[in-house]
Amino acid sequence: MRKHLPVFLRLALLFGSALVLVAQTGHITAFTGTWKLNVAKSKFNPGPPFKSFTLTFTPDGTRKLDLMIADDQPLKAELPWSDGKEVVVTVIEGMGNVTAKSRIQGRVLDDTWKENGKIIEQVHGVVSPDARTLTITVDGTDKQGHTFHNRLRFDRQ
């Protein structure tokens, strides 16, 4: 048995390294998956609340937002995970030239969103220790120059 121990240790190290590499190239994080807004447990200041919001972090490195604003206006956006670099946000309609810079570390996400070079939102998200809920705080300014502070609660699907 002692004779085979170094072989087993090398295999375990190789297997562990392969798992880490797959997780990194596959963008697997605490956020990976689909999250639905729990409107009843969310707070919108000044409001009104979104009618619906689905947020998806895919293993291929894409984040998708699909929401229905209070006035029944849909908004769909997609962006690559950026790891601290500014990336272009693909928006179907409703916004201009939008970029975002994101950083995910463990269970924490921090975003800065800009429209036409001006910061419009600061986003801070935390996945719960049991990985069932995601709480996102969004501070920003709307198109009319009014500030808002929203606390969004998402449930993992």
C-alpha atoms as a PDB file:
ATOM      1  CA  MET A   1       0.000   0.000   0.000  1.00  0.00           C
ATOM      2  CA  ARG A   2       2.816   2.420   0.838  1.00  0.00           C
ATOM      3  CA  LYS A   3       4.313   1.728  -2.528  1.00  0.00           C
ATOM      4  CA  HIS A   4       1.136   3.006  -4.261  1.00  0.00           C
ATOM      5  CA  LEU A   5       0.573   6.051  -2.020  1.00  0.00           C
ATOM      6  CA  PRO A   6       2.638   8.480  -4.173  1.00  0.00           C
ATOM      7  CA  VAL A   7       0.672   7.398  -7.263  1.00  0.00           C
ATOM      8  CA  PHE A   8      -2.656   8.005  -5.477  1.00  0.00           C
ATOM      9  CA  LEU A   9      -1.472  11.404  -4.247  1.00  0.00           C
ATOM     10  CA  ARG A  10      -0.436  12.429  -7.766  1.00  0.00           C
ATOM     11  CA  LEU A  11      -3.778  11.274  -9.177  1.00  0.00           C
ATOM     12  CA  ALA A  12      -5.676  13.180  -6.483  1.00  0.00           C
ATOM     13  CA  LEU A  13      -3.626  16.314  -7.156  1.00  0.00           C
ATOM     14  CA  LEU A  14      -4.174  15.983 -10.915  1.00  0.00           C
ATOM     15  CA  PHE A  15      -7.923  15.441 -10.457  1.00  0.00           C
ATOM     16  CA  GLY A  16      -8.204  18.401  -8.051  1.00  0.00           C
ATOM     17  CA  SER A  17      -6.294  20.657 -10.455  1.00  0.00           C
ATOM     18  CA  ALA A  18      -8.563  19.618 -13.318  1.00  0.00           C
ATOM     19  CA  LEU A  19     -11.671  20.483 -11.266  1.00  0.00           C
ATOM     20  CA  VAL A  20     -10.294  23.933 -10.435  1.00  0.00           C
ATOM     21  CA  LEU A  21      -9.451  24.559 -14.092  1.00  0.00           C
ATOM     22  CA  VAL A  22     -12.926  23.483 -15.253  1.00  0.00           C
ATOM     23  CA  ALA A  23     -14.573  25.687 -12.620  1.00  0.00           C
ATOM     24  CA  GLN A  24     -12.513  28.687 -13.701  1.00  0.00           C
ATOM     25  CA  THR A  25     -13.035  28.262 -17.429  1.00  0.00           C
ATOM     26  CA  GLY A  26     -16.704  27.412 -16.873  1.00  0.00           C
ATOM     27  CA  HIS A  27     -17.354  30.526 -14.743  1.00  0.00           C
ATOM     28  CA  ILE A  28     -18.888  28.429 -11.971  1.00  0.00           C
ATOM     29  CA  THR A  29     -19.488  30.670  -8.955  1.00  0.00           C
ATOM     30  CA  ALA A  30     -22.013  31.015  -6.142  1.00  0.00           C
ATOM     31  CA  PHE A  31     -24.066  33.104  -8.602  1.00  0.00           C
ATOM     32  CA  THR A  32     -24.250  30.500 -11.395  1.00  0.00           C
ATOM     33  CA  GLY A  33     -27.864  29.634 -12.152  1.00  0.00           C
ATOM     34  CA  THR A  34     -31.214  31.352 -12.505  1.00  0.00           C
ATOM     35  CA  TRP A  35     -32.640  33.774  -9.934  1.00  0.00           C
ATOM     36  CA  LYS A  36     -36.204  35.171  -9.797  1.00  0.00           C
ATOM     37  CA  LEU A  37     -37.118  38.399  -8.043  1.00  0.00           C
ATOM     38  CA  ASN A  38     -39.234  38.003  -4.923  1.00  0.00           C
ATOM     39  CA  VAL A  39     -41.189  41.267  -5.229  1.00  0.00           C
ATOM     40  CA  ALA A  40     -42.841  40.862  -1.801  1.00  0.00           C
ATOM     41  CA  LYS A  41     -39.448  40.726  -0.051  1.00  0.00           C
ATOM     42  CA  SER A  42     -37.882  43.528  -2.124  1.00  0.00           C
ATOM     43  CA  LYS A  43     -37.916  47.266  -1.412  1.00  0.00           C
ATOM     44  CA  PHE A  44     -38.048  50.005  -4.034  1.00  0.00           C
ATOM     45  CA  ASN A  45     -37.281  53.578  -3.057  1.00  0.00           C
ATOM     46  CA  PRO A  46     -38.973  55.555  -4.449  1.00  0.00           C
ATOM     47  CA  GLY A  47     -40.778  52.858  -6.457  1.00  0.00           C
ATOM     48  CA  PRO A  48     -42.829  51.545  -8.125  1.00  0.00           C
ATOM     49  CA  PRO A  49     -41.506  47.966  -8.027  1.00  0.00           C
ATOM     50  CA  PHE A  50     -40.608  45.862 -11.038  1.00  0.00           C
ATOM     51  CA  LYS A  51     -43.358  43.471 -12.081  1.00  0.00           C
ATOM     52  CA  SER A  52     -40.848  40.679 -12.688  1.00  0.00           C
ATOM     53  CA  PHE A  53     -37.110  40.160 -12.947  1.00  0.00           C
ATOM     54  CA  THR A  54     -35.149  37.038 -13.857  1.00  0.00           C
ATOM     55  CA  LEU A  55     -31.373  37.103 -13.581  1.00  0.00           C
ATOM     56  CA  THR A  56     -29.276  34.285 -15.050  1.00  0.00           C
ATOM     57  CA  PHE A  57     -25.551  33.647 -14.657  1.00  0.00           C
ATOM     58  CA  THR A  58     -24.581  30.995 -17.215  1.00  0.00           C
ATOM     59  CA  PRO A  59     -21.549  28.691 -17.000  1.00  0.00           C
ATOM     60  CA  ASP A  60     -20.324  30.012 -20.375  1.00  0.00           C
ATOM     61  CA  GLY A  61     -19.658  33.423 -18.812  1.00  0.00           C
ATOM     62  CA  THR A  62     -22.810  35.340 -19.750  1.00  0.00           C
ATOM     63  CA  ARG A  63     -25.173  37.237 -17.470  1.00  0.00           C
ATOM     64  CA  LYS A  64     -28.743  37.771 -18.688  1.00  0.00           C
ATOM     65  CA  LEU A  65     -31.326  40.165 -17.273  1.00  0.00           C
ATOM     66  CA  ASP A  66     -34.983  39.840 -18.222  1.00  0.00           C
ATOM     67  CA  LEU A  67     -37.323  42.220 -16.441  1.00  0.00           C
ATOM     68  CA  MET A  68     -40.693  43.881 -16.700  1.00  0.00           C
ATOM     69  CA  ILE A  69     -40.705  47.460 -15.457  1.00  0.00           C
ATOM     70  CA  ALA A  70     -43.760  48.752 -13.574  1.00  0.00           C
ATOM     71  CA  ASP A  71     -45.242  50.399 -16.693  1.00  0.00           C
ATOM     72  CA  ASP A  72     -45.218  47.040 -18.547  1.00  0.00           C
ATOM     73  CA  GLN A  73     -42.065  47.930 -20.475  1.00  0.00           C
ATOM     74  CA  PRO A  74     -39.831  44.875 -20.968  1.00  0.00           C
ATOM     75  CA  LEU A  75     -36.081  45.205 -20.672  1.00  0.00           C
ATOM     76  CA  LYS A  76     -33.663  42.504 -21.709  1.00  0.00           C
ATOM     77  CA  ALA A  77     -29.914  42.837 -21.397  1.00  0.00           C
ATOM     78  CA  GLU A  78     -26.919  40.552 -21.717  1.00  0.00           C
ATOM     79  CA  LEU A  79     -23.295  40.990 -20.775  1.00  0.00           C
ATOM     80  CA  PRO A  80     -20.204  38.859 -20.306  1.00  0.00           C
ATOM     81  CA  TRP A  81     -18.802  38.398 -16.823  1.00  0.00           C
ATOM     82  CA  SER A  82     -16.068  40.989 -16.708  1.00  0.00           C
ATOM     83  CA  ASP A  83     -13.754  40.158 -13.787  1.00  0.00           C
ATOM     84  CA  GLY A  84     -13.057  43.854 -13.210  1.00  0.00           C
ATOM     85  CA  LYS A  85     -12.880  44.970 -16.848  1.00  0.00           C
ATOM     86  CA  GLU A  86     -15.420  47.297 -18.415  1.00  0.00           C
ATOM     87  CA  VAL A  87     -17.630  45.422 -20.904  1.00  0.00           C
ATOM     88  CA  VAL A  88     -20.419  46.451 -23.260  1.00  0.00           C
ATOM     89  CA  VAL A  89     -23.954  45.589 -22.182  1.00  0.00           C
ATOM     90  CA  THR A  90     -26.180  44.400 -25.002  1.00  0.00           C
ATOM     91  CA  VAL A  91     -29.592  45.965 -24.395  1.00  0.00           C
ATOM     92  CA  ILE A  92     -32.598  45.173 -26.525  1.00  0.00           C
ATOM     93  CA  GLU A  93     -34.149  48.618 -25.999  1.00  0.00           C
ATOM     94  CA  GLY A  94     -34.606  51.325 -23.418  1.00  0.00           C
ATOM     95  CA  MET A  95     -31.019  52.395 -22.819  1.00  0.00           C
ATOM     96  CA  GLY A  96     -28.201  53.984 -24.775  1.00  0.00           C
ATOM     97  CA  ASN A  97     -24.519  53.101 -24.812  1.00  0.00           C
ATOM     98  CA  VAL A  98     -24.257  50.998 -21.627  1.00  0.00           C
ATOM     99  CA  THR A  99     -21.144  49.433 -20.105  1.00  0.00           C
ATOM    100  CA  ALA A 100     -20.575  47.580 -16.853  1.00  0.00           C
ATOM    101  CA  LYS A 101     -17.605  46.641 -14.738  1.00  0.00           C
ATOM    102  CA  SER A 102     -18.119  43.642 -12.456  1.00  0.00           C
ATOM    103  CA  ARG A 103     -16.147  41.856  -9.803  1.00  0.00           C
ATOM    104  CA  ILE A 104     -17.237  38.541  -8.267  1.00  0.00           C
ATOM    105  CA  GLN A 105     -15.354  37.315  -5.222  1.00  0.00           C
ATOM    106  CA  GLY A 106     -16.826  34.322  -3.436  1.00  0.00           C
ATOM    107  CA  ARG A 107     -20.454  35.145  -2.605  1.00  0.00           C
ATOM    108  CA  VAL A 108     -20.106  38.894  -3.341  1.00  0.00           C
ATOM    109  CA  LEU A 109     -20.740  40.782  -6.580  1.00  0.00           C
ATOM    110  CA  ASP A 110     -19.961  44.451  -7.181  1.00  0.00           C
ATOM    111  CA  ASP A 111     -20.971  46.234 -10.396  1.00  0.00           C
ATOM    112  CA  THR A 112     -20.638  49.741 -11.759  1.00  0.00           C
ATOM    113  CA  TRP A 113     -22.984  50.489 -14.668  1.00  0.00           C
ATOM    114  CA  LYS A 114     -22.453  53.467 -16.994  1.00  0.00           C
ATOM    115  CA  GLU A 115     -24.596  54.957 -19.738  1.00  0.00           C
ATOM    116  CA  ASN A 116     -22.803  57.151 -22.263  1.00  0.00           C
ATOM    117  CA  GLY A 117     -19.806  57.276 -19.901  1.00  0.00           C
ATOM    118  CA  LYS A 118     -21.783  58.462 -16.832  1.00  0.00           C
ATOM    119  CA  ILE A 119     -22.275  56.205 -13.779  1.00  0.00           C
ATOM    120  CA  ILE A 120     -25.956  55.307 -13.519  1.00  0.00           C
ATOM    121  CA  GLU A 121     -25.894  52.431 -10.999  1.00  0.00           C
ATOM    122  CA  GLN A 122     -23.753  50.958  -8.267  1.00  0.00           C
ATOM    123  CA  VAL A 123     -24.732  47.350  -7.555  1.00  0.00           C
ATOM    124  CA  HIS A 124     -23.761  45.185  -4.584  1.00  0.00           C
ATOM    125  CA  GLY A 125     -24.995  41.582  -4.400  1.00  0.00           C
ATOM    126  CA  VAL A 126     -24.519  38.819  -1.834  1.00  0.00           C
ATOM    127  CA  VAL A 127     -25.507  35.156  -2.092  1.00  0.00           C
ATOM    128  CA  SER A 128     -26.732  33.739   1.226  1.00  0.00           C
ATOM    129  CA  PRO A 129     -24.583  31.092   2.986  1.00  0.00           C
ATOM    130  CA  ASP A 130     -27.130  28.393   2.038  1.00  0.00           C
ATOM    131  CA  ALA A 131     -26.999  29.621  -1.631  1.00  0.00           C
ATOM    132  CA  ARG A 132     -30.807  29.891  -1.835  1.00  0.00           C
ATOM    133  CA  THR A 133     -31.180  33.674  -1.916  1.00  0.00           C
ATOM    134  CA  LEU A 134     -29.426  36.599  -3.542  1.00  0.00           C
ATOM    135  CA  THR A 135     -29.782  40.101  -2.115  1.00  0.00           C
ATOM    136  CA  ILE A 136     -28.837  42.959  -4.408  1.00  0.00           C
ATOM    137  CA  THR A 137     -28.647  46.621  -3.425  1.00  0.00           C
ATOM    138  CA  VAL A 138     -28.831  49.088  -6.307  1.00  0.00           C
ATOM    139  CA  ASP A 139     -28.093  52.798  -5.899  1.00  0.00           C
ATOM    140  CA  GLY A 140     -28.417  55.002  -8.945  1.00  0.00           C
ATOM    141  CA  THR A 141     -29.903  57.898 -10.842  1.00  0.00           C
ATOM    142  CA  ASP A 142     -32.771  57.642 -13.322  1.00  0.00           C
ATOM    143  CA  LYS A 143     -33.073  59.488 -16.645  1.00  0.00           C
ATOM    144  CA  GLN A 144     -34.802  62.413 -14.932  1.00  0.00           C
ATOM    145  CA  GLY A 145     -31.897  62.818 -12.483  1.00  0.00           C
ATOM    146  CA  HIS A 146     -33.750  61.372  -9.465  1.00  0.00           C
ATOM    147  CA  THR A 147     -31.811  59.042  -7.173  1.00  0.00           C
ATOM    148  CA  PHE A 148     -33.098  55.628  -6.174  1.00  0.00           C
ATOM    149  CA  HIS A 149     -32.145  52.934  -3.685  1.00  0.00           C
ATOM    150  CA  ASN A 150     -33.546  49.461  -4.320  1.00  0.00           C
ATOM    151  CA  ARG A 151     -33.010  46.310  -2.270  1.00  0.00           C
ATOM    152  CA  LEU A 152     -33.860  43.309  -4.427  1.00  0.00           C
ATOM    153  CA  ARG A 153     -34.363  39.813  -3.053  1.00  0.00           C
ATOM    154  CA  PHE A 154     -33.982  36.922  -5.524  1.00  0.00           C
ATOM    155  CA  ASP A 155     -34.709  33.235  -4.973  1.00  0.00           C
ATOM    156  CA  ARG A 156     -32.670  30.535  -6.707  1.00  0.00           C
ATOM    157  CA  GLN A 157     -34.678  28.537  -9.235  1.00  0.00           C
END
